[in-house]
Amino acid sequence: MELSTKVASGLQQILDKAREVDRLVAEVATASHEQSEGLTQINIAVSQMDKVTQANAAGAEETASAAEELNAQSEELRNASAQLAALVGVTVNNAPVTHHQPARASKTVTATKAETKRPLTNSSPRIHSPATKHLAESAPSGARSSHEHLSFKD
């Protein structure tokens, strides 16, 4: 009997160890499954980051293109302003415009003696230059403003 007890005890130990190995294999399988799900989530996140990066790159490219177009348009506007100023006979300062300080007029208004005795009825004086003088002379006499004698001086 002693031999059968030893054999039974040995078989019980083998059975216990087999159950332990089965439990460990199940844990490894569960961990592998969780790791696989984690890698799937990482792949999804990387794919989403790639899409966002591509969208940002496209947005940056569009912004750069728009900035280039705005620069071209501002240059055209600057040229048109210079041409208009030349037509009107006004000197334009080509200094860059600052965004922090409002532009200030550097011109002074002078009036004739007759106009200084009466108040101005229109708050926007007329600029007298070769171009505006020509326009004023070609306008009908009734269309001329009471401010024709006002002039701007640098």
Protein backbone atom coordinates (compact mmCIF):
# COMPACT_ATOMS: atom_id res chain seq x y z
CA MET A 1 0.00 0.00 0.00
CA GLU A 2 2.72 2.24 0.65
CA LEU A 3 3.64 2.12 -2.98
CA SER A 4 0.14 2.93 -4.12
CA THR A 5 0.01 5.87 -1.70
CA LYS A 6 3.27 7.19 -3.14
CA VAL A 7 1.99 6.76 -6.68
CA ALA A 8 -1.30 8.45 -5.79
CA SER A 9 0.58 11.31 -4.15
CA GLY A 10 2.86 11.65 -7.20
CA LEU A 11 -0.13 11.65 -9.56
CA GLN A 12 -1.82 14.30 -7.41
CA GLN A 13 1.28 16.51 -7.63
CA ILE A 14 1.39 16.01 -11.40
CA LEU A 15 -2.29 16.93 -11.60
CA ASP A 16 -1.73 20.06 -9.45
CA LYS A 17 1.24 21.12 -11.59
CA ALA A 18 -0.75 20.50 -14.81
CA ARG A 19 -3.55 22.71 -13.45
CA GLU A 20 -0.98 25.41 -12.57
CA VAL A 21 0.49 25.25 -16.09
CA ASP A 22 -3.05 25.43 -17.56
CA ARG A 23 -3.80 28.51 -15.43
CA LEU A 24 -0.51 30.19 -16.50
CA VAL A 25 -1.18 29.43 -20.18
CA ALA A 26 -4.66 30.97 -19.83
CA GLU A 27 -3.11 34.11 -18.26
CA VAL A 28 -0.58 34.36 -21.12
CA ALA A 29 -3.41 34.01 -23.66
CA THR A 30 -5.42 36.74 -21.91
CA ALA A 31 -2.38 39.05 -21.76
CA SER A 32 -1.63 38.39 -25.44
CA HIS A 33 -5.21 39.25 -26.38
CA GLU A 34 -5.09 42.48 -24.33
CA GLN A 35 -1.74 43.36 -25.88
CA SER A 36 -3.19 42.78 -29.35
CA GLU A 37 -6.12 45.08 -28.56
CA GLY A 38 -3.68 47.71 -27.23
CA LEU A 39 -1.62 47.53 -30.44
CA THR A 40 -4.81 47.90 -32.49
CA GLN A 41 -5.70 51.03 -30.51
CA ILE A 42 -2.16 52.39 -30.99
CA ASN A 43 -2.42 51.77 -34.75
CA ILE A 44 -5.75 53.62 -34.85
CA ALA A 45 -4.27 56.54 -32.89
CA VAL A 46 -1.21 56.73 -35.18
CA SER A 47 -3.48 56.63 -38.22
CA GLN A 48 -5.58 59.48 -36.81
CA MET A 49 -2.44 61.49 -36.01
CA ASP A 50 -1.27 60.92 -39.59
CA LYS A 51 -4.58 62.24 -40.93
CA VAL A 52 -4.36 65.31 -38.66
CA THR A 53 -0.75 65.89 -39.73
CA GLN A 54 -1.75 65.69 -43.39
CA ALA A 55 -4.65 68.08 -42.78
CA ASN A 56 -2.32 70.49 -40.95
CA ALA A 57 0.19 70.31 -43.79
CA ALA A 58 -2.57 71.03 -46.32
CA GLY A 59 -3.81 73.92 -44.17
CA ALA A 60 -0.29 75.33 -43.87
CA GLU A 61 0.15 75.07 -47.63
CA GLU A 62 -3.16 76.85 -48.21
CA THR A 63 -2.21 79.54 -45.68
CA ALA A 64 1.16 80.06 -47.35
CA SER A 65 -0.55 80.31 -50.74
CA ALA A 66 -3.08 82.80 -49.36
CA ALA A 67 -0.29 84.84 -47.77
CA GLU A 68 1.57 84.91 -51.07
CA GLU A 69 -1.60 86.02 -52.86
CA LEU A 70 -2.21 88.72 -50.24
CA ASN A 71 1.35 89.95 -50.66
CA ALA A 72 0.84 90.17 -54.41
CA GLN A 73 -2.48 91.98 -53.95
CA SER A 74 -0.95 94.39 -51.42
CA GLU A 75 1.84 95.18 -53.88
CA GLU A 76 -0.77 95.84 -56.58
CA LEU A 77 -2.69 98.06 -54.16
CA ARG A 78 0.51 99.88 -53.19
CA ASN A 79 1.26 100.49 -56.90
CA ALA A 80 -2.30 101.66 -57.56
CA SER A 81 -2.10 103.99 -54.54
CA ALA A 82 1.20 105.41 -55.79
CA GLN A 83 -0.29 105.97 -59.24
CA LEU A 84 -3.33 107.65 -57.73
CA ALA A 85 -1.15 109.81 -55.52
CA ALA A 86 0.92 110.79 -58.57
CA LEU A 87 -2.26 111.72 -60.45
CA VAL A 88 -3.47 113.80 -57.52
CA GLY A 89 -0.05 115.33 -56.98
CA VAL A 90 0.51 114.09 -53.44
CA THR A 91 3.82 112.67 -52.22
CA VAL A 92 3.42 109.24 -50.63
CA ASN A 93 5.70 108.08 -47.84
CA ASN A 94 6.60 104.44 -48.55
CA ALA A 95 7.47 103.67 -44.93
CA PRO A 96 5.95 100.43 -43.66
CA VAL A 97 2.65 100.77 -41.86
CA THR A 98 2.70 99.78 -38.19
CA HIS A 99 -0.31 98.03 -36.78
CA HIS A 100 0.10 99.51 -33.31
CA GLN A 101 -0.21 103.20 -34.13
CA PRO A 102 -2.94 104.74 -36.26
CA ALA A 103 -1.76 106.70 -39.28
CA ARG A 104 -1.74 110.45 -38.68
CA ALA A 105 -2.27 113.09 -41.33
CA SER A 106 0.80 115.24 -41.90
CA LYS A 107 -1.00 117.87 -43.95
CA THR A 108 -2.29 121.29 -42.82
CA VAL A 109 -5.34 123.03 -44.19
CA THR A 110 -5.20 126.69 -45.18
CA ALA A 111 -8.13 128.87 -46.16
CA THR A 112 -8.54 132.23 -47.85
CA LYS A 113 -9.48 135.34 -45.84
CA ALA A 114 -13.08 135.14 -47.04
CA GLU A 115 -13.42 131.56 -45.82
CA THR A 116 -11.96 132.26 -42.38
CA LYS A 117 -14.82 134.71 -41.70
CA ARG A 118 -17.52 132.06 -42.18
CA PRO A 119 -17.76 128.55 -40.73
CA LEU A 120 -17.18 125.58 -42.99
CA THR A 121 -20.39 123.78 -43.94
CA ASN A 122 -18.77 120.53 -45.05
CA SER A 123 -16.31 118.76 -42.75
CA SER A 124 -14.36 117.13 -45.59
CA PRO A 125 -12.12 119.65 -47.39
CA ARG A 126 -11.17 119.23 -51.05
CA ILE A 127 -7.59 118.53 -52.04
CA HIS A 128 -6.21 120.96 -54.62
CA SER A 129 -3.75 119.41 -56.98
CA PRO A 130 -3.33 119.58 -60.74
CA ALA A 131 -5.74 116.66 -61.18
CA THR A 132 -8.46 117.99 -58.84
CA LYS A 133 -8.10 121.52 -60.21
CA HIS A 134 -8.75 120.17 -63.69
CA LEU A 135 -11.80 118.26 -62.40
CA ALA A 136 -13.10 121.32 -60.55
CA GLU A 137 -12.70 123.53 -63.63
CA SER A 138 -14.50 121.02 -65.83
CA ALA A 139 -17.43 120.66 -63.38
CA PRO A 140 -20.53 122.80 -63.89
CA SER A 141 -20.39 126.04 -61.88
CA GLY A 142 -23.30 125.02 -59.63
CA ALA A 143 -21.53 121.76 -58.75
CA ARG A 144 -18.46 123.45 -57.30
CA SER A 145 -18.02 123.25 -53.56
CA SER A 146 -17.68 126.18 -51.22
CA HIS A 147 -14.35 124.63 -50.17
CA GLU A 148 -12.55 125.03 -53.48
CA HIS A 149 -10.10 127.48 -51.97
CA LEU A 150 -8.94 125.04 -49.31
CA SER A 151 -5.57 123.47 -49.96
CA PHE A 152 -3.30 121.01 -48.26
CA LYS A 153 0.33 121.83 -47.67
CA ASP A 154 3.08 119.39 -46.75
